[in-house]
Amino acid sequence: DPRGLYTCRVSGGALRAPRDVALQVHYRLCQNCIELDAATISGIVVADVVATVFLAIAVYCISGHDKGRLSRASDRQNLIANDQLYQ
């Protein structure tokens, strides 16, 4: 456990006497932490990109993109003329 008070001896040069400088170190250890290396992080990023592309393709395929087909509204006839009122 490297937590605690550390001292360093600093040389004072030609005119000064050496002195001690104190440094106190505090840190916490995580009990349930998982260490992530570069391969794990890159795997997560690649999996995220693949899942996003797959989801985008699925939405595109399901959305019903019928470009060459006319709408069904053009197949209907007008039963009454536009200038007549419905009664």
PDB file of N, CA and C in Angstrom:
ATOM      1  N   ASP A   1       0.851  -1.179   0.000  1.00  0.00           N
ATOM      2  CA  ASP A   1       0.000   0.000   0.000  1.00  0.00           C
ATOM      3  C   ASP A   1       0.896   1.242   0.000  1.00  0.00           C
ATOM      4  N   PRO A   2       1.060   1.914  -1.138  1.00  0.00           N
ATOM      5  CA  PRO A   2       1.968   3.060  -1.217  1.00  0.00           C
ATOM      6  C   PRO A   2       1.377   4.361  -0.683  1.00  0.00           C
ATOM      7  N   ARG A   3       0.267   4.293   0.010  1.00  0.00           N
ATOM      8  CA  ARG A   3      -0.335   5.494   0.566  1.00  0.00           C
ATOM      9  C   ARG A   3       0.501   5.967   1.749  1.00  0.00           C
ATOM     10  N   GLY A   4       0.672   7.283   1.861  1.00  0.00           N
ATOM     11  CA  GLY A   4       1.403   7.789   3.012  1.00  0.00           C
ATOM     12  C   GLY A   4       2.153   9.068   2.724  1.00  0.00           C
ATOM     13  N   LEU A   5       3.118   9.372   3.578  1.00  0.00           N
ATOM     14  CA  LEU A   5       3.898  10.600   3.491  1.00  0.00           C
ATOM     15  C   LEU A   5       5.302  10.246   3.015  1.00  0.00           C
ATOM     16  N   TYR A   6       5.717  10.880   1.905  1.00  0.00           N
ATOM     17  CA  TYR A   6       7.041  10.655   1.333  1.00  0.00           C
ATOM     18  C   TYR A   6       7.836  11.943   1.426  1.00  0.00           C
ATOM     19  N   THR A   7       9.130  11.813   1.648  1.00  0.00           N
ATOM     20  CA  THR A   7       9.991  12.996   1.694  1.00  0.00           C
ATOM     21  C   THR A   7      11.086  12.852   0.651  1.00  0.00           C
ATOM     22  N   CYS A   8      11.433  13.983   0.068  1.00  0.00           N
ATOM     23  CA  CYS A   8      12.506  14.038  -0.921  1.00  0.00           C
ATOM     24  C   CYS A   8      13.555  15.023  -0.415  1.00  0.00           C
ATOM     25  N   ARG A   9      14.801  14.674  -0.581  1.00  0.00           N
ATOM     26  CA  ARG A   9      15.881  15.574  -0.197  1.00  0.00           C
ATOM     27  C   ARG A   9      16.291  16.357  -1.445  1.00  0.00           C
ATOM     28  N   VAL A  10      16.160  17.685  -1.348  1.00  0.00           N
ATOM     29  CA  VAL A  10      16.492  18.574  -2.449  1.00  0.00           C
ATOM     30  C   VAL A  10      17.823  19.231  -2.134  1.00  0.00           C
ATOM     31  N   SER A  11      18.745  19.115  -3.084  1.00  0.00           N
ATOM     32  CA  SER A  11      20.044  19.764  -2.849  1.00  0.00           C
ATOM     33  C   SER A  11      19.891  21.263  -3.031  1.00  0.00           C
ATOM     34  N   GLY A  12      20.542  21.997  -2.182  1.00  0.00           N
ATOM     35  CA  GLY A  12      20.383  23.445  -2.186  1.00  0.00           C
ATOM     36  C   GLY A  12      21.356  24.158  -3.107  1.00  0.00           C
ATOM     37  N   GLY A  13      22.284  23.486  -3.706  1.00  0.00           N
ATOM     38  CA  GLY A  13      23.264  24.140  -4.566  1.00  0.00           C
ATOM     39  C   GLY A  13      24.483  24.538  -3.759  1.00  0.00           C
ATOM     40  N   ALA A  14      25.265  25.464  -4.293  1.00  0.00           N
ATOM     41  CA  ALA A  14      26.528  25.864  -3.658  1.00  0.00           C
ATOM     42  C   ALA A  14      26.296  26.715  -2.424  1.00  0.00           C
ATOM     43  N   LEU A  15      25.261  27.552  -2.419  1.00  0.00           N
ATOM     44  CA  LEU A  15      25.073  28.483  -1.327  1.00  0.00           C
ATOM     45  C   LEU A  15      24.023  28.023  -0.317  1.00  0.00           C
ATOM     46  N   ARG A  16      23.198  27.060  -0.674  1.00  0.00           N
ATOM     47  CA  ARG A  16      22.110  26.637   0.222  1.00  0.00           C
ATOM     48  C   ARG A  16      22.363  25.243   0.755  1.00  0.00           C
ATOM     49  N   ALA A  17      21.803  25.011   1.905  1.00  0.00           N
ATOM     50  CA  ALA A  17      21.890  23.679   2.512  1.00  0.00           C
ATOM     51  C   ALA A  17      20.788  22.792   1.930  1.00  0.00           C
ATOM     52  N   PRO A  18      20.985  21.490   1.862  1.00  0.00           N
ATOM     53  CA  PRO A  18      19.913  20.603   1.373  1.00  0.00           C
ATOM     54  C   PRO A  18      18.708  20.658   2.306  1.00  0.00           C
ATOM     55  N   ARG A  19      17.523  20.490   1.725  1.00  0.00           N
ATOM     56  CA  ARG A  19      16.294  20.529   2.524  1.00  0.00           C
ATOM     57  C   ARG A  19      15.403  19.367   2.136  1.00  0.00           C
ATOM     58  N   ASP A  20      14.498  19.042   3.033  1.00  0.00           N
ATOM     59  CA  ASP A  20      13.547  17.952   2.796  1.00  0.00           C
ATOM     60  C   ASP A  20      12.204  18.525   2.367  1.00  0.00           C
ATOM     61  N   VAL A  21      11.620  17.921   1.325  1.00  0.00           N
ATOM     62  CA  VAL A  21      10.294  18.312   0.840  1.00  0.00           C
ATOM     63  C   VAL A  21       9.372  17.121   1.049  1.00  0.00           C
ATOM     64  N   ALA A  22       8.226  17.354   1.685  1.00  0.00           N
ATOM     65  CA  ALA A  22       7.283  16.268   1.985  1.00  0.00           C
ATOM     66  C   ALA A  22       6.170  16.236   0.935  1.00  0.00           C
ATOM     67  N   LEU A  23       5.753  15.034   0.618  1.00  0.00           N
ATOM     68  CA  LEU A  23       4.671  14.805  -0.334  1.00  0.00           C
ATOM     69  C   LEU A  23       3.763  13.737   0.246  1.00  0.00           C
ATOM     70  N   GLN A  24       2.490  14.070   0.411  1.00  0.00           N
ATOM     71  CA  GLN A  24       1.540  13.108   0.957  1.00  0.00           C
ATOM     72  C   GLN A  24       0.706  12.532  -0.181  1.00  0.00           C
ATOM     73  N   VAL A  25       0.607  11.221  -0.242  1.00  0.00           N
ATOM     74  CA  VAL A  25      -0.086  10.519  -1.323  1.00  0.00           C
ATOM     75  C   VAL A  25      -1.342   9.863  -0.758  1.00  0.00           C
ATOM     76  N   HIS A  26      -2.481  10.177  -1.397  1.00  0.00           N
ATOM     77  CA  HIS A  26      -3.763   9.540  -1.078  1.00  0.00           C
ATOM     78  C   HIS A  26      -4.314   8.945  -2.362  1.00  0.00           C
ATOM     79  N   TYR A  27      -4.821   7.732  -2.322  1.00  0.00           N
ATOM     80  CA  TYR A  27      -5.510   7.152  -3.452  1.00  0.00           C
ATOM     81  C   TYR A  27      -6.429   6.053  -2.951  1.00  0.00           C
ATOM     82  N   ARG A  28      -7.392   5.700  -3.804  1.00  0.00           N
ATOM     83  CA  ARG A  28      -8.315   4.641  -3.454  1.00  0.00           C
ATOM     84  C   ARG A  28      -8.187   3.506  -4.451  1.00  0.00           C
ATOM     85  N   LEU A  29      -8.250   2.314  -3.968  1.00  0.00           N
ATOM     86  CA  LEU A  29      -8.275   1.150  -4.844  1.00  0.00           C
ATOM     87  C   LEU A  29      -9.721   0.727  -5.046  1.00  0.00           C
ATOM     88  N   CYS A  30     -10.035   0.392  -6.258  1.00  0.00           N
ATOM     89  CA  CYS A  30     -11.382  -0.069  -6.583  1.00  0.00           C
ATOM     90  C   CYS A  30     -11.449  -1.574  -6.361  1.00  0.00           C
ATOM     91  N   GLN A  31     -12.412  -2.029  -5.601  1.00  0.00           N
ATOM     92  CA  GLN A  31     -12.524  -3.446  -5.289  1.00  0.00           C
ATOM     93  C   GLN A  31     -13.142  -4.240  -6.441  1.00  0.00           C
ATOM     94  N   ASN A  32     -14.063  -3.629  -7.192  1.00  0.00           N
ATOM     95  CA  ASN A  32     -14.782  -4.352  -8.247  1.00  0.00           C
ATOM     96  C   ASN A  32     -14.446  -3.832  -9.638  1.00  0.00           C
ATOM     97  N   CYS A  33     -13.283  -3.249  -9.830  1.00  0.00           N
ATOM     98  CA  CYS A  33     -12.918  -2.675 -11.122  1.00  0.00           C
ATOM     99  C   CYS A  33     -12.395  -3.748 -12.069  1.00  0.00           C
ATOM    100  N   ILE A  34     -12.618  -3.494 -13.358  1.00  0.00           N
ATOM    101  CA  ILE A  34     -12.099  -4.369 -14.405  1.00  0.00           C
ATOM    102  C   ILE A  34     -11.082  -3.574 -15.195  1.00  0.00           C
ATOM    103  N   GLU A  35      -9.919  -4.147 -15.410  1.00  0.00           N
ATOM    104  CA  GLU A  35      -8.887  -3.444 -16.148  1.00  0.00           C
ATOM    105  C   GLU A  35      -9.143  -3.603 -17.644  1.00  0.00           C
ATOM    106  N   LEU A  36      -9.183  -2.493 -18.356  1.00  0.00           N
ATOM    107  CA  LEU A  36      -9.428  -2.503 -19.786  1.00  0.00           C
ATOM    108  C   LEU A  36      -8.132  -2.180 -20.518  1.00  0.00           C
ATOM    109  N   ASP A  37      -7.732  -3.075 -21.398  1.00  0.00           N
ATOM    110  CA  ASP A  37      -6.559  -2.798 -22.215  1.00  0.00           C
ATOM    111  C   ASP A  37      -7.011  -2.288 -23.582  1.00  0.00           C
ATOM    112  N   ALA A  38      -6.064  -2.006 -24.460  1.00  0.00           N
ATOM    113  CA  ALA A  38      -6.389  -1.427 -25.764  1.00  0.00           C
ATOM    114  C   ALA A  38      -7.206  -2.379 -26.617  1.00  0.00           C
ATOM    115  N   ALA A  39      -6.944  -3.678 -26.531  1.00  0.00           N
ATOM    116  CA  ALA A  39      -7.693  -4.645 -27.340  1.00  0.00           C
ATOM    117  C   ALA A  39      -9.161  -4.705 -26.914  1.00  0.00           C
ATOM    118  N   THR A  40      -9.425  -4.617 -25.639  1.00  0.00           N
ATOM    119  CA  THR A  40     -10.805  -4.653 -25.154  1.00  0.00           C
ATOM    120  C   THR A  40     -11.574  -3.412 -25.593  1.00  0.00           C
ATOM    121  N   ILE A  41     -10.951  -2.253 -25.463  1.00  0.00           N
ATOM    122  CA  ILE A  41     -11.615  -1.005 -25.861  1.00  0.00           C
ATOM    123  C   ILE A  41     -11.861  -0.980 -27.364  1.00  0.00           C
ATOM    124  N   SER A  42     -10.879  -1.414 -28.159  1.00  0.00           N
ATOM    125  CA  SER A  42     -11.078  -1.426 -29.608  1.00  0.00           C
ATOM    126  C   SER A  42     -12.146  -2.445 -29.990  1.00  0.00           C
ATOM    127  N   GLY A  43     -12.243  -3.561 -29.292  1.00  0.00           N
ATOM    128  CA  GLY A  43     -13.307  -4.524 -29.549  1.00  0.00           C
ATOM    129  C   GLY A  43     -14.679  -3.961 -29.263  1.00  0.00           C
ATOM    130  N   ILE A  44     -14.799  -3.200 -28.195  1.00  0.00           N
ATOM    131  CA  ILE A  44     -16.082  -2.565 -27.857  1.00  0.00           C
ATOM    132  C   ILE A  44     -16.458  -1.548 -28.931  1.00  0.00           C
ATOM    133  N   VAL A  45     -15.496  -0.766 -29.391  1.00  0.00           N
ATOM    134  CA  VAL A  45     -15.770   0.256 -30.420  1.00  0.00           C
ATOM    135  C   VAL A  45     -16.181  -0.408 -31.729  1.00  0.00           C
ATOM    136  N   VAL A  46     -15.471  -1.448 -32.150  1.00  0.00           N
ATOM    137  CA  VAL A  46     -15.813  -2.136 -33.396  1.00  0.00           C
ATOM    138  C   VAL A  46     -17.189  -2.775 -33.293  1.00  0.00           C
ATOM    139  N   ALA A  47     -17.507  -3.404 -32.179  1.00  0.00           N
ATOM    140  CA  ALA A  47     -18.829  -4.012 -31.999  1.00  0.00           C
ATOM    141  C   ALA A  47     -19.927  -2.959 -32.028  1.00  0.00           C
ATOM    142  N   ASP A  48     -19.670  -1.790 -31.475  1.00  0.00           N
ATOM    143  CA  ASP A  48     -20.652  -0.707 -31.496  1.00  0.00           C
ATOM    144  C   ASP A  48     -20.894  -0.220 -32.919  1.00  0.00           C
ATOM    145  N   VAL A  49     -19.832  -0.072 -33.704  1.00  0.00           N
ATOM    146  CA  VAL A  49     -19.984   0.378 -35.092  1.00  0.00           C
ATOM    147  C   VAL A  49     -20.735  -0.664 -35.914  1.00  0.00           C
ATOM    148  N   VAL A  50     -20.410  -1.946 -35.738  1.00  0.00           N
ATOM    149  CA  VAL A  50     -21.099  -3.007 -36.487  1.00  0.00           C
ATOM    150  C   VAL A  50     -22.579  -3.046 -36.107  1.00  0.00           C
ATOM    151  N   ALA A  51     -22.887  -2.922 -34.835  1.00  0.00           N
ATOM    152  CA  ALA A  51     -24.292  -2.929 -34.402  1.00  0.00           C
ATOM    153  C   ALA A  51     -25.048  -1.731 -34.957  1.00  0.00           C
ATOM    154  N   THR A  52     -24.405  -0.573 -35.013  1.00  0.00           N
ATOM    155  CA  THR A  52     -25.059   0.622 -35.551  1.00  0.00           C
ATOM    156  C   THR A  52     -25.333   0.466 -37.043  1.00  0.00           C
ATOM    157  N   VAL A  53     -24.368  -0.062 -37.790  1.00  0.00           N
ATOM    158  CA  VAL A  53     -24.570  -0.280 -39.225  1.00  0.00           C
ATOM    159  C   VAL A  53     -25.676  -1.309 -39.458  1.00  0.00           C
ATOM    160  N   PHE A  54     -25.671  -2.387 -38.693  1.00  0.00           N
ATOM    161  CA  PHE A  54     -26.714  -3.403 -38.824  1.00  0.00           C
ATOM    162  C   PHE A  54     -28.093  -2.820 -38.532  1.00  0.00           C
ATOM    163  N   LEU A  55     -28.203  -2.004 -37.504  1.00  0.00           N
ATOM    164  CA  LEU A  55     -29.477  -1.375 -37.168  1.00  0.00           C
ATOM    165  C   LEU A  55     -29.921  -0.408 -38.264  1.00  0.00           C
ATOM    166  N   ALA A  56     -28.992   0.346 -38.834  1.00  0.00           N
ATOM    167  CA  ALA A  56     -29.346   1.272 -39.913  1.00  0.00           C
ATOM    168  C   ALA A  56     -29.836   0.522 -41.145  1.00  0.00           C
ATOM    169  N   ILE A  57     -29.197  -0.595 -41.481  1.00  0.00           N
ATOM    170  CA  ILE A  57     -29.638  -1.397 -42.632  1.00  0.00           C
ATOM    171  C   ILE A  57     -31.006  -2.006 -42.358  1.00  0.00           C
ATOM    172  N   ALA A  58     -31.243  -2.475 -41.151  1.00  0.00           N
ATOM    173  CA  ALA A  58     -32.542  -3.049 -40.806  1.00  0.00           C
ATOM    174  C   ALA A  58     -33.653  -2.010 -40.901  1.00  0.00           C
ATOM    175  N   VAL A  59     -33.411  -0.807 -40.421  1.00  0.00           N
ATOM    176  CA  VAL A  59     -34.422   0.253 -40.509  1.00  0.00           C
ATOM    177  C   VAL A  59     -34.674   0.624 -41.959  1.00  0.00           C
ATOM    178  N   TYR A  60     -33.622   0.669 -42.763  1.00  0.00           N
ATOM    179  CA  TYR A  60     -33.769   1.006 -44.177  1.00  0.00           C
ATOM    180  C   TYR A  60     -34.596  -0.058 -44.904  1.00  0.00           C
ATOM    181  N   CYS A  61     -34.355  -1.320 -44.594  1.00  0.00           N
ATOM    182  CA  CYS A  61     -35.093  -2.392 -45.267  1.00  0.00           C
ATOM    183  C   CYS A  61     -36.547  -2.468 -44.808  1.00  0.00           C
ATOM    184  N   ILE A  62     -36.792  -2.215 -43.553  1.00  0.00           N
ATOM    185  CA  ILE A  62     -38.146  -2.327 -43.013  1.00  0.00           C
ATOM    186  C   ILE A  62     -39.003  -1.107 -43.348  1.00  0.00           C
ATOM    187  N   SER A  63     -38.380   0.026 -43.596  1.00  0.00           N
ATOM    188  CA  SER A  63     -39.140   1.275 -43.742  1.00  0.00           C
ATOM    189  C   SER A  63     -40.036   1.294 -44.972  1.00  0.00           C
ATOM    190  N   GLY A  64     -39.912   0.387 -45.902  1.00  0.00           N
ATOM    191  CA  GLY A  64     -40.810   0.326 -47.049  1.00  0.00           C
ATOM    192  C   GLY A  64     -40.499   1.392 -48.074  1.00  0.00           C
ATOM    193  N   HIS A  65     -39.345   1.371 -48.611  1.00  0.00           N
ATOM    194  CA  HIS A  65     -38.920   2.360 -49.598  1.00  0.00           C
ATOM    195  C   HIS A  65     -39.320   1.895 -50.996  1.00  0.00           C
ATOM    196  N   ASP A  66     -40.561   2.153 -51.405  1.00  0.00           N
ATOM    197  CA  ASP A  66     -41.061   1.782 -52.731  1.00  0.00           C
ATOM    198  C   ASP A  66     -40.940   3.010 -53.629  1.00  0.00           C
ATOM    199  N   LYS A  67     -39.886   3.073 -54.422  1.00  0.00           N
ATOM    200  CA  LYS A  67     -39.655   4.256 -55.240  1.00  0.00           C
ATOM    201  C   LYS A  67     -40.402   4.182 -56.558  1.00  0.00           C
ATOM    202  N   GLY A  68     -40.500   3.020 -57.186  1.00  0.00           N
ATOM    203  CA  GLY A  68     -41.096   2.918 -58.508  1.00  0.00           C
ATOM    204  C   GLY A  68     -42.603   2.780 -58.498  1.00  0.00           C
ATOM    205  N   ARG A  69     -43.191   2.627 -57.385  1.00  0.00           N
ATOM    206  CA  ARG A  69     -44.618   2.369 -57.285  1.00  0.00           C
ATOM    207  C   ARG A  69     -45.382   3.665 -57.037  1.00  0.00           C
ATOM    208  N   LEU A  70     -46.503   3.834 -57.730  1.00  0.00           N
ATOM    209  CA  LEU A  70     -47.333   5.014 -57.506  1.00  0.00           C
ATOM    210  C   LEU A  70     -48.155   4.830 -56.238  1.00  0.00           C
ATOM    211  N   SER A  71     -48.566   5.919 -55.676  1.00  0.00           N
ATOM    212  CA  SER A  71     -49.367   5.820 -54.467  1.00  0.00           C
ATOM    213  C   SER A  71     -50.773   5.346 -54.801  1.00  0.00           C
ATOM    214  N   ARG A  72     -51.453   4.775 -53.839  1.00  0.00           N
ATOM    215  CA  ARG A  72     -52.808   4.260 -54.060  1.00  0.00           C
ATOM    216  C   ARG A  72     -53.815   5.392 -54.250  1.00  0.00           C
ATOM    217  N   ALA A  73     -53.493   6.583 -53.851  1.00  0.00           N
ATOM    218  CA  ALA A  73     -54.429   7.692 -54.006  1.00  0.00           C
ATOM    219  C   ALA A  73     -54.655   8.017 -55.475  1.00  0.00           C
ATOM    220  N   SER A  74     -53.694   7.749 -56.330  1.00  0.00           N
ATOM    221  CA  SER A  74     -53.870   8.050 -57.747  1.00  0.00           C
ATOM    222  C   SER A  74     -54.795   7.049 -58.426  1.00  0.00           C
ATOM    223  N   ASP A  75     -55.064   5.895 -57.825  1.00  0.00           N
ATOM    224  CA  ASP A  75     -55.955   4.894 -58.398  1.00  0.00           C
ATOM    225  C   ASP A  75     -57.423   5.210 -58.133  1.00  0.00           C
ATOM    226  N   ARG A  76     -57.722   6.112 -57.262  1.00  0.00           N
ATOM    227  CA  ARG A  76     -59.099   6.398 -56.870  1.00  0.00           C
ATOM    228  C   ARG A  76     -59.739   7.399 -57.838  1.00  0.00           C
ATOM    229  N   GLN A  77     -61.019   7.269 -58.006  1.00  0.00           N
ATOM    230  CA  GLN A  77     -61.783   8.222 -58.816  1.00  0.00           C
ATOM    231  C   GLN A  77     -62.437   9.240 -57.905  1.00  0.00           C
ATOM    232  N   ASN A  78     -62.638  10.391 -58.430  1.00  0.00           N
ATOM    233  CA  ASN A  78     -63.423  11.379 -57.692  1.00  0.00           C
ATOM    234  C   ASN A  78     -64.892  11.079 -57.937  1.00  0.00           C
ATOM    235  N   LEU A  79     -65.605  10.800 -56.865  1.00  0.00           N
ATOM    236  CA  LEU A  79     -67.014  10.468 -57.013  1.00  0.00           C
ATOM    237  C   LEU A  79     -67.863  11.702 -57.228  1.00  0.00           C
ATOM    238  N   ILE A  80     -67.435  12.823 -56.692  1.00  0.00           N
ATOM    239  CA  ILE A  80     -68.140  14.079 -56.922  1.00  0.00           C
ATOM    240  C   ILE A  80     -67.117  15.089 -57.416  1.00  0.00           C
ATOM    241  N   ALA A  81     -67.569  16.025 -58.169  1.00  0.00           N
ATOM    242  CA  ALA A  81     -66.673  17.052 -58.691  1.00  0.00           C
ATOM    243  C   ALA A  81     -66.233  17.957 -57.553  1.00  0.00           C
ATOM    244  N   ASN A  82     -65.131  18.629 -57.756  1.00  0.00           N
ATOM    245  CA  ASN A  82     -64.589  19.488 -56.711  1.00  0.00           C
ATOM    246  C   ASN A  82     -65.472  20.677 -56.392  1.00  0.00           C
ATOM    247  N   ASP A  83     -66.253  21.160 -57.368  1.00  0.00           N
ATOM    248  CA  ASP A  83     -67.068  22.332 -57.120  1.00  0.00           C
ATOM    249  C   ASP A  83     -68.421  22.008 -56.482  1.00  0.00           C
ATOM    250  N   GLN A  84     -68.795  20.739 -56.399  1.00  0.00           N
ATOM    251  CA  GLN A  84     -70.046  20.364 -55.754  1.00  0.00           C
ATOM    252  C   GLN A  84     -69.840  20.163 -54.273  1.00  0.00           C
ATOM    253  N   LEU A  85     -70.877  20.428 -53.516  1.00  0.00           N
ATOM    254  CA  LEU A  85     -70.834  20.236 -52.082  1.00  0.00           C
ATOM    255  C   LEU A  85     -71.391  18.862 -51.722  1.00  0.00           C
ATOM    256  N   TYR A  86     -70.829  18.271 -50.729  1.00  0.00           N
ATOM    257  CA  TYR A  86     -71.326  16.982 -50.249  1.00  0.00           C
ATOM    258  C   TYR A  86     -72.546  17.225 -49.363  1.00  0.00           C
ATOM    259  N   GLN A  87     -73.623  16.476 -49.644  1.00  0.00           N
ATOM    260  CA  GLN A  87     -74.848  16.659 -48.854  1.00  0.00           C
ATOM    261  C   GLN A  87     -75.259  15.383 -48.188  1.00  0.00           C
TER     262      GLN A  87
END
